[in-house]
Amino acid sequence: MNIYSKSKDWKERILSNFASTPFTLQIGEEVYECGSVEGFWQGLKCKGDMRLYVFGLSGMRAKMAGKGKKIRTLEIGGQEIRYGSEAHGQLIREASKQKILQNPKAGEALKGSTGKITHHVPGSSKPVFKMEIFLMSVRQELFGH
């Protein structure tokens, strides 16, 4: 299975971090409303009201909202986290997990998947984390395979 926002297979599209799959995420004492995993990921690069706005985005709008923003650390939920660190990765993984738990169609797609998940997309984007690893980890945790 290759997760890709423009796939012809709905299961691959809905598992993409671009998919409009609203979820809430609690970090520390704060609860955030997110429109997609991509919105959350890109919103972490922002501050204040802009962060909350970007959290609510999905698709290319979310990606473009964070494009070119270079940060070394981010502050959220009372924590200061180094960008690209294991703690940062755990935030993205938790967002992926909440997306699956709160969106039945996404949960169905992940539960029904087998084997390796890939994320090959056109272009030269090199994300700091491999979404396929997070999804396989969430699948193992939630569905045991």
Protein backbone atom coordinates (compact mmCIF):
# COMPACT_ATOMS: atom_id res chain seq x y z
CA MET A 1 0.00 0.00 0.00
CA ASN A 2 1.41 3.38 -1.02
CA ILE A 3 -0.15 6.24 0.91
CA TYR A 4 -0.55 9.18 -1.45
CA SER A 5 -3.07 12.00 -1.51
CA LYS A 6 -3.68 11.61 -5.25
CA SER A 7 -3.98 7.83 -5.34
CA LYS A 8 -6.90 6.24 -7.19
CA ASP A 9 -7.47 4.02 -4.13
CA TRP A 10 -9.54 5.75 -1.43
CA LYS A 11 -7.74 3.77 1.27
CA GLU A 12 -4.37 5.13 0.21
CA ARG A 13 -5.78 8.68 -0.05
CA ILE A 14 -7.42 8.69 3.37
CA LEU A 15 -4.24 7.46 5.06
CA SER A 16 -2.25 10.31 3.53
CA ASN A 17 -1.31 13.07 5.95
CA PHE A 18 -2.98 15.49 3.48
CA ALA A 19 -6.43 13.85 3.91
CA SER A 20 -9.15 15.93 5.51
CA THR A 21 -9.62 13.78 8.61
CA PRO A 22 -10.47 16.09 11.52
CA PHE A 23 -9.37 15.06 15.00
CA THR A 24 -8.65 16.57 18.39
CA LEU A 25 -5.31 16.13 20.09
CA GLN A 26 -4.46 16.78 23.73
CA ILE A 27 -0.91 17.83 24.54
CA GLY A 28 -0.36 18.61 28.19
CA GLU A 29 -3.36 20.61 29.35
CA GLU A 30 -4.14 21.96 25.87
CA VAL A 31 -6.60 20.44 23.37
CA TYR A 32 -6.11 21.23 19.68
CA GLU A 33 -8.56 20.89 16.79
CA CYS A 34 -6.80 19.61 13.69
CA GLY A 35 -8.05 19.21 10.12
CA SER A 36 -5.35 16.74 9.09
CA VAL A 37 -2.01 15.35 10.15
CA GLU A 38 -0.36 17.69 7.64
CA GLY A 39 -2.14 20.67 9.22
CA PHE A 40 -0.86 19.65 12.64
CA TRP A 41 2.67 19.02 11.36
CA GLN A 42 2.90 22.37 9.55
CA GLY A 43 1.13 24.22 12.36
CA LEU A 44 3.87 23.20 14.76
CA LYS A 45 6.14 25.56 12.79
CA CYS A 46 3.85 28.51 13.63
CA LYS A 47 2.91 30.39 16.79
CA GLY A 48 -0.23 31.78 18.39
CA ASP A 49 -3.38 32.22 16.33
CA MET A 50 -1.55 31.30 13.13
CA ARG A 51 -0.71 27.90 14.62
CA LEU A 52 -4.35 27.26 15.47
CA TYR A 53 -5.39 28.30 11.96
CA VAL A 54 -2.85 26.02 10.26
CA PHE A 55 -3.79 23.11 12.55
CA GLY A 56 -7.26 23.28 10.98
CA LEU A 57 -6.02 23.01 7.39
CA SER A 58 -5.62 19.96 5.17
CA GLY A 59 -4.10 19.13 1.81
CA MET A 60 -1.81 21.44 -0.08
CA ARG A 61 -3.14 24.46 1.85
CA ALA A 62 -1.66 22.97 5.01
CA LYS A 63 1.66 22.14 3.35
CA MET A 64 1.99 25.62 1.85
CA ALA A 65 1.20 27.27 5.19
CA GLY A 66 4.38 25.79 6.63
CA LYS A 67 6.56 25.94 3.52
CA GLY A 68 9.84 27.75 4.05
CA LYS A 69 9.39 28.05 7.81
CA LYS A 70 12.59 26.81 9.41
CA ILE A 71 12.55 26.30 13.15
CA ARG A 72 14.92 24.65 15.60
CA THR A 73 12.55 24.28 18.52
CA LEU A 74 8.82 24.43 19.06
CA GLU A 75 6.80 25.04 22.17
CA ILE A 76 3.54 23.22 22.76
CA GLY A 77 1.65 21.89 25.76
CA GLY A 78 4.17 23.40 28.15
CA GLN A 79 7.08 21.63 26.46
CA GLU A 80 9.98 22.90 24.41
CA ILE A 81 10.83 20.33 21.74
CA ARG A 82 13.67 20.25 19.24
CA TYR A 83 12.41 20.05 15.67
CA GLY A 84 13.20 16.63 14.20
CA SER A 85 13.77 15.02 17.61
CA GLU A 86 12.22 11.82 18.91
CA ALA A 87 9.77 13.91 20.99
CA HIS A 88 8.73 15.79 17.85
CA GLY A 89 8.23 12.47 16.07
CA GLN A 90 6.07 11.23 18.93
CA LEU A 91 3.79 14.25 18.49
CA ILE A 92 3.33 13.41 14.80
CA ARG A 93 2.77 9.74 15.60
CA GLU A 94 0.15 10.64 18.22
CA ALA A 95 -1.58 12.89 15.69
CA SER A 96 -1.61 9.97 13.24
CA LYS A 97 -3.05 7.69 15.92
CA GLN A 98 -5.80 10.15 16.86
CA LYS A 99 -6.68 10.57 13.18
CA ILE A 100 -7.19 6.78 12.94
CA LEU A 101 -9.14 6.56 16.21
CA GLN A 102 -11.44 9.49 15.41
CA ASN A 103 -12.12 8.79 11.71
CA PRO A 104 -13.82 5.41 11.17
CA LYS A 105 -13.02 5.28 7.43
CA ALA A 106 -9.33 5.93 8.10
CA GLY A 107 -9.41 3.25 10.80
CA GLU A 108 -11.05 0.82 8.39
CA ALA A 109 -8.39 1.53 5.76
CA LEU A 110 -5.49 1.03 8.18
CA LYS A 111 -6.99 -2.05 9.82
CA GLY A 112 -7.56 -3.66 6.41
CA SER A 113 -4.03 -2.96 5.22
CA THR A 114 -1.41 -5.69 5.28
CA GLY A 115 2.31 -5.77 4.82
CA LYS A 116 4.56 -2.82 4.28
CA ILE A 117 3.16 0.69 3.91
CA THR A 118 5.10 2.97 1.59
CA HIS A 119 4.93 6.68 0.85
CA HIS A 120 6.40 7.33 -2.58
CA VAL A 121 5.33 10.67 -3.99
CA PRO A 122 6.56 12.65 -6.97
CA GLY A 123 8.89 15.57 -6.37
CA SER A 124 11.88 16.15 -4.20
CA SER A 125 10.25 16.62 -0.80
CA LYS A 126 12.28 14.99 1.97
CA PRO A 127 10.19 14.99 5.15
CA VAL A 128 11.95 14.91 8.48
CA PHE A 129 9.89 11.81 9.45
CA LYS A 130 8.67 8.78 7.52
CA MET A 131 4.88 8.72 7.79
CA GLU A 132 4.76 5.08 6.73
CA ILE A 133 6.74 4.07 9.84
CA PHE A 134 4.30 5.93 12.09
CA LEU A 135 1.30 4.33 10.36
CA MET A 136 2.72 0.81 10.62
CA SER A 137 3.47 1.44 14.31
CA VAL A 138 -0.09 2.71 14.93
CA ARG A 139 -1.51 -0.27 13.00
CA GLN A 140 0.48 -2.67 15.20
CA GLU A 141 -0.64 -0.91 18.38
CA LEU A 142 -4.32 -0.65 17.50
CA PHE A 143 -4.93 -3.72 15.35
CA GLY A 144 -2.11 -6.10 16.23
CA HIS A 145 -0.64 -6.51 12.75
